[in-house]
Amino acid sequence: MAAAVPEPNADPEHVLDDLLAGRPGILELTRSLTSAEPRSFRPLLADEDRSSPYDLDGLDDYEREQVRRGALLVLADDFVDETEWGGDDIAVGFRRADDFSEDFEELVTLISAHYGEAVENADELRYSDSGKAAYWRAGESTLVLQVFVNYPGGNIELHLWLAAIADQA
């Protein structure tokens, strides 16, 4: 039986806090992702009508090209409405983006301690306006850590995803 993976979006901030504090440990989490039964997924964005990254109903052909097979965990997400950051404190949204970037870098260090240096790869889980991703080989999977930053309509959308992409058979 495949290992249980925390449900995406269940409580992402709690998962991230535990990882950065060393509980339950990035190695345990990555092993649960790489040993989970592969499923098709596409990470969610705030404006989508899907309830889960594994719900692929209603995708067009372009969106279907971005579907991956494996397991995904949402480590953190945030949506900063333009009305929240666009007034007197324009920097609030960018500070949150910096926080996501710092968490990304810390997780890269933790994952690299177990899997070695990240390998080159340009295939993000989803393409973003401003973001970055890191990749590691883990058995028959590729681990992907991505910080996704988009600026839709003056808002700021932030996600931090960790996924295990199954090798294609």
C-alpha atoms as a PDB file:
ATOM      1  CA  MET A   1       0.000   0.000   0.000  1.00  0.00           C
ATOM      2  CA  ALA A   2       1.311   3.470  -0.903  1.00  0.00           C
ATOM      3  CA  ALA A   3       2.271   5.912   1.808  1.00  0.00           C
ATOM      4  CA  ALA A   4      -0.250   8.509   2.911  1.00  0.00           C
ATOM      5  CA  VAL A   5       0.425  12.047   1.732  1.00  0.00           C
ATOM      6  CA  PRO A   6      -1.101  14.982   3.601  1.00  0.00           C
ATOM      7  CA  GLU A   7      -4.141  16.238   1.694  1.00  0.00           C
ATOM      8  CA  PRO A   8      -3.264  19.292  -0.417  1.00  0.00           C
ATOM      9  CA  ASN A   9      -4.645  22.513   1.052  1.00  0.00           C
ATOM     10  CA  ALA A  10      -5.625  20.760   4.307  1.00  0.00           C
ATOM     11  CA  ASP A  11      -3.604  23.141   6.500  1.00  0.00           C
ATOM     12  CA  PRO A  12      -0.629  24.301   4.443  1.00  0.00           C
ATOM     13  CA  GLU A  13       0.798  26.783   6.934  1.00  0.00           C
ATOM     14  CA  HIS A  14       0.866  24.138   9.671  1.00  0.00           C
ATOM     15  CA  VAL A  15       2.787  21.760   7.389  1.00  0.00           C
ATOM     16  CA  LEU A  16       5.309  24.479   6.494  1.00  0.00           C
ATOM     17  CA  ASP A  17       5.788  25.522  10.130  1.00  0.00           C
ATOM     18  CA  ASP A  18       6.476  21.898  11.083  1.00  0.00           C
ATOM     19  CA  LEU A  19       8.975  21.467   8.254  1.00  0.00           C
ATOM     20  CA  LEU A  20      10.916  24.599   9.051  1.00  0.00           C
ATOM     21  CA  ALA A  21      10.979  23.624  12.743  1.00  0.00           C
ATOM     22  CA  GLY A  22      12.266  20.143  11.878  1.00  0.00           C
ATOM     23  CA  ARG A  23       8.979  18.321  12.567  1.00  0.00           C
ATOM     24  CA  PRO A  24       8.104  15.835  11.032  1.00  0.00           C
ATOM     25  CA  GLY A  25      11.161  16.253   8.851  1.00  0.00           C
ATOM     26  CA  ILE A  26      11.581  16.930   5.199  1.00  0.00           C
ATOM     27  CA  LEU A  27      12.962  13.454   4.549  1.00  0.00           C
ATOM     28  CA  GLU A  28       9.799  11.783   5.883  1.00  0.00           C
ATOM     29  CA  LEU A  29       7.613  14.107   3.842  1.00  0.00           C
ATOM     30  CA  THR A  30       9.558  13.633   0.616  1.00  0.00           C
ATOM     31  CA  ARG A  31       9.489   9.859   1.116  1.00  0.00           C
ATOM     32  CA  SER A  32       5.717   9.934   1.577  1.00  0.00           C
ATOM     33  CA  LEU A  33       5.370  11.963  -1.631  1.00  0.00           C
ATOM     34  CA  THR A  34       7.673   9.723  -3.680  1.00  0.00           C
ATOM     35  CA  SER A  35       6.031   6.525  -2.429  1.00  0.00           C
ATOM     36  CA  ALA A  36       2.442   7.728  -2.849  1.00  0.00           C
ATOM     37  CA  GLU A  37       0.341   6.245  -5.624  1.00  0.00           C
ATOM     38  CA  PRO A  38       0.847   8.626  -8.607  1.00  0.00           C
ATOM     39  CA  ARG A  39      -2.208  10.684  -9.535  1.00  0.00           C
ATOM     40  CA  SER A  40      -2.714  13.335 -12.194  1.00  0.00           C
ATOM     41  CA  PHE A  41      -2.712  16.880 -10.809  1.00  0.00           C
ATOM     42  CA  ARG A  42      -2.353  20.547 -11.666  1.00  0.00           C
ATOM     43  CA  PRO A  43      -1.731  22.985  -8.784  1.00  0.00           C
ATOM     44  CA  LEU A  44      -4.683  25.251  -7.996  1.00  0.00           C
ATOM     45  CA  LEU A  45      -4.748  29.027  -8.196  1.00  0.00           C
ATOM     46  CA  ALA A  46      -7.087  31.239  -6.169  1.00  0.00           C
ATOM     47  CA  ASP A  47      -9.439  32.087  -9.050  1.00  0.00           C
ATOM     48  CA  GLU A  48     -10.055  28.512 -10.186  1.00  0.00           C
ATOM     49  CA  ASP A  49     -13.298  26.643  -9.680  1.00  0.00           C
ATOM     50  CA  ARG A  50     -11.626  23.329  -8.877  1.00  0.00           C
ATOM     51  CA  SER A  51     -11.705  22.044  -5.303  1.00  0.00           C
ATOM     52  CA  SER A  52      -8.469  20.047  -5.448  1.00  0.00           C
ATOM     53  CA  PRO A  53      -5.312  19.946  -7.575  1.00  0.00           C
ATOM     54  CA  TYR A  54      -6.396  16.395  -8.462  1.00  0.00           C
ATOM     55  CA  ASP A  55      -9.744  17.652  -9.858  1.00  0.00           C
ATOM     56  CA  LEU A  56      -9.002  18.186 -13.552  1.00  0.00           C
ATOM     57  CA  ASP A  57     -12.525  18.834 -14.809  1.00  0.00           C
ATOM     58  CA  GLY A  58     -12.920  21.744 -17.192  1.00  0.00           C
ATOM     59  CA  LEU A  59      -9.271  22.145 -18.210  1.00  0.00           C
ATOM     60  CA  ASP A  60      -8.588  23.308 -21.764  1.00  0.00           C
ATOM     61  CA  ASP A  61      -5.898  21.778 -24.005  1.00  0.00           C
ATOM     62  CA  TYR A  62      -3.181  24.214 -22.861  1.00  0.00           C
ATOM     63  CA  GLU A  63      -3.969  23.546 -19.194  1.00  0.00           C
ATOM     64  CA  ARG A  64      -3.947  19.786 -19.795  1.00  0.00           C
ATOM     65  CA  GLU A  65      -0.365  20.119 -21.097  1.00  0.00           C
ATOM     66  CA  GLN A  66       0.619  21.270 -17.590  1.00  0.00           C
ATOM     67  CA  VAL A  67      -0.912  18.275 -15.820  1.00  0.00           C
ATOM     68  CA  ARG A  68       1.688  16.242 -13.935  1.00  0.00           C
ATOM     69  CA  ARG A  69       1.518  12.741 -12.501  1.00  0.00           C
ATOM     70  CA  GLY A  70       2.661  12.088  -8.956  1.00  0.00           C
ATOM     71  CA  ALA A  71       1.812  13.659  -5.607  1.00  0.00           C
ATOM     72  CA  LEU A  72       1.541  17.298  -4.567  1.00  0.00           C
ATOM     73  CA  LEU A  73       1.537  19.066  -1.232  1.00  0.00           C
ATOM     74  CA  VAL A  74       0.714  22.747  -0.776  1.00  0.00           C
ATOM     75  CA  LEU A  75       3.147  24.064   1.834  1.00  0.00           C
ATOM     76  CA  ALA A  76       1.831  27.631   1.913  1.00  0.00           C
ATOM     77  CA  ASP A  77      -0.417  29.937  -0.057  1.00  0.00           C
ATOM     78  CA  ASP A  78      -1.525  33.536   0.176  1.00  0.00           C
ATOM     79  CA  PHE A  79      -3.558  35.994  -1.878  1.00  0.00           C
ATOM     80  CA  VAL A  80      -2.974  39.689  -1.342  1.00  0.00           C
ATOM     81  CA  ASP A  81      -5.813  41.761  -2.758  1.00  0.00           C
ATOM     82  CA  GLU A  82      -4.827  45.022  -4.421  1.00  0.00           C
ATOM     83  CA  THR A  83      -7.006  46.914  -1.942  1.00  0.00           C
ATOM     84  CA  GLU A  84      -4.956  45.443   0.913  1.00  0.00           C
ATOM     85  CA  TRP A  85      -1.533  46.430  -0.403  1.00  0.00           C
ATOM     86  CA  GLY A  86      -2.238  49.186  -2.918  1.00  0.00           C
ATOM     87  CA  GLY A  87      -2.957  52.045  -0.533  1.00  0.00           C
ATOM     88  CA  ASP A  88      -0.437  53.617   1.789  1.00  0.00           C
ATOM     89  CA  ASP A  89       1.556  50.417   2.326  1.00  0.00           C
ATOM     90  CA  ILE A  90       2.413  49.181  -1.160  1.00  0.00           C
ATOM     91  CA  ALA A  91       5.278  47.070   0.220  1.00  0.00           C
ATOM     92  CA  VAL A  92       3.084  44.644   2.218  1.00  0.00           C
ATOM     93  CA  GLY A  93       2.534  42.294  -0.739  1.00  0.00           C
ATOM     94  CA  PHE A  94       6.197  42.323  -1.668  1.00  0.00           C
ATOM     95  CA  ARG A  95       7.217  41.566   1.930  1.00  0.00           C
ATOM     96  CA  ARG A  96       4.977  38.501   1.818  1.00  0.00           C
ATOM     97  CA  ALA A  97       6.585  37.453  -1.480  1.00  0.00           C
ATOM     98  CA  ASP A  98      10.007  37.866   0.172  1.00  0.00           C
ATOM     99  CA  ASP A  99       8.844  35.638   3.056  1.00  0.00           C
ATOM    100  CA  PHE A 100       7.847  32.925   0.562  1.00  0.00           C
ATOM    101  CA  SER A 101      11.214  33.248  -1.153  1.00  0.00           C
ATOM    102  CA  GLU A 102      13.046  32.896   2.177  1.00  0.00           C
ATOM    103  CA  ASP A 103      10.993  29.777   3.045  1.00  0.00           C
ATOM    104  CA  PHE A 104      11.809  28.381  -0.404  1.00  0.00           C
ATOM    105  CA  GLU A 105      15.555  28.894   0.136  1.00  0.00           C
ATOM    106  CA  GLU A 106      15.422  27.290   3.587  1.00  0.00           C
ATOM    107  CA  LEU A 107      13.586  24.261   2.195  1.00  0.00           C
ATOM    108  CA  VAL A 108      16.100  23.974  -0.670  1.00  0.00           C
ATOM    109  CA  THR A 109      18.834  23.712   1.966  1.00  0.00           C
ATOM    110  CA  LEU A 110      16.899  21.066   3.950  1.00  0.00           C
ATOM    111  CA  ILE A 111      16.047  18.957   0.897  1.00  0.00           C
ATOM    112  CA  SER A 112      19.577  19.256  -0.517  1.00  0.00           C
ATOM    113  CA  ALA A 113      20.958  17.866   2.755  1.00  0.00           C
ATOM    114  CA  HIS A 114      19.202  14.576   1.905  1.00  0.00           C
ATOM    115  CA  TYR A 115      19.181  14.493  -1.915  1.00  0.00           C
ATOM    116  CA  GLY A 116      22.281  16.480  -2.867  1.00  0.00           C
ATOM    117  CA  GLU A 117      22.407  19.640  -4.923  1.00  0.00           C
ATOM    118  CA  ALA A 118      19.363  20.504  -6.960  1.00  0.00           C
ATOM    119  CA  VAL A 119      19.545  19.432 -10.617  1.00  0.00           C
ATOM    120  CA  GLU A 120      18.871  21.583 -13.656  1.00  0.00           C
ATOM    121  CA  ASN A 121      15.306  21.563 -14.945  1.00  0.00           C
ATOM    122  CA  ALA A 122      13.082  24.303 -16.346  1.00  0.00           C
ATOM    123  CA  ASP A 123       9.721  22.531 -16.162  1.00  0.00           C
ATOM    124  CA  GLU A 124       7.808  24.365 -13.405  1.00  0.00           C
ATOM    125  CA  LEU A 125       4.649  22.853 -11.959  1.00  0.00           C
ATOM    126  CA  ARG A 126       2.856  25.958 -13.238  1.00  0.00           C
ATOM    127  CA  TYR A 127       4.346  28.931 -15.016  1.00  0.00           C
ATOM    128  CA  SER A 128       4.368  32.130 -12.974  1.00  0.00           C
ATOM    129  CA  ASP A 129       5.091  35.823 -13.432  1.00  0.00           C
ATOM    130  CA  SER A 130       7.896  35.662 -10.918  1.00  0.00           C
ATOM    131  CA  GLY A 131       8.910  32.504  -9.159  1.00  0.00           C
ATOM    132  CA  LYS A 132      11.477  29.778  -9.058  1.00  0.00           C
ATOM    133  CA  ALA A 133      11.766  26.040  -8.711  1.00  0.00           C
ATOM    134  CA  ALA A 134      14.332  23.500  -7.583  1.00  0.00           C
ATOM    135  CA  TYR A 135      14.557  19.826  -8.605  1.00  0.00           C
ATOM    136  CA  TRP A 136      16.115  16.671  -7.153  1.00  0.00           C
ATOM    137  CA  ARG A 137      16.198  13.060  -8.299  1.00  0.00           C
ATOM    138  CA  ALA A 138      14.628  10.790  -5.700  1.00  0.00           C
ATOM    139  CA  GLY A 139      14.533   7.178  -6.828  1.00  0.00           C
ATOM    140  CA  GLU A 140      12.045   6.924  -9.673  1.00  0.00           C
ATOM    141  CA  SER A 141      10.681  10.414  -9.088  1.00  0.00           C
ATOM    142  CA  THR A 142      11.726  14.006  -9.435  1.00  0.00           C
ATOM    143  CA  LEU A 143      11.094  16.190  -6.414  1.00  0.00           C
ATOM    144  CA  VAL A 144       9.991  19.697  -7.321  1.00  0.00           C
ATOM    145  CA  LEU A 145       9.867  22.613  -4.906  1.00  0.00           C
ATOM    146  CA  GLN A 146       8.327  25.720  -6.438  1.00  0.00           C
ATOM    147  CA  VAL A 147       7.564  29.169  -5.172  1.00  0.00           C
ATOM    148  CA  PHE A 148       4.866  30.574  -7.462  1.00  0.00           C
ATOM    149  CA  VAL A 149       4.303  34.324  -7.587  1.00  0.00           C
ATOM    150  CA  ASN A 150       1.706  35.880  -9.920  1.00  0.00           C
ATOM    151  CA  TYR A 151       0.305  39.380 -10.193  1.00  0.00           C
ATOM    152  CA  PRO A 152      -3.225  38.921 -11.573  1.00  0.00           C
ATOM    153  CA  GLY A 153      -5.087  42.198 -12.030  1.00  0.00           C
ATOM    154  CA  GLY A 154      -3.000  44.103  -9.476  1.00  0.00           C
ATOM    155  CA  ASN A 155      -3.253  41.406  -6.820  1.00  0.00           C
ATOM    156  CA  ILE A 156      -0.437  39.158  -5.634  1.00  0.00           C
ATOM    157  CA  GLU A 157      -0.907  35.398  -5.553  1.00  0.00           C
ATOM    158  CA  LEU A 158       1.671  33.274  -3.717  1.00  0.00           C
ATOM    159  CA  HIS A 159       2.093  29.500  -3.443  1.00  0.00           C
ATOM    160  CA  LEU A 160       4.794  27.184  -2.187  1.00  0.00           C
ATOM    161  CA  TRP A 161       4.433  23.657  -3.578  1.00  0.00           C
ATOM    162  CA  LEU A 162       6.346  20.436  -3.060  1.00  0.00           C
ATOM    163  CA  ALA A 163       5.672  17.581  -5.472  1.00  0.00           C
ATOM    164  CA  ALA A 164       7.043  14.234  -6.514  1.00  0.00           C
ATOM    165  CA  ILE A 165       6.707  13.752 -10.258  1.00  0.00           C
ATOM    166  CA  ALA A 166       6.622  10.084 -11.226  1.00  0.00           C
ATOM    167  CA  ASP A 167       8.859   8.970 -14.072  1.00  0.00           C
ATOM    168  CA  GLN A 168       6.888   8.305 -17.233  1.00  0.00           C
ATOM    169  CA  ALA A 169       6.568   4.599 -17.993  1.00  0.00           C
END
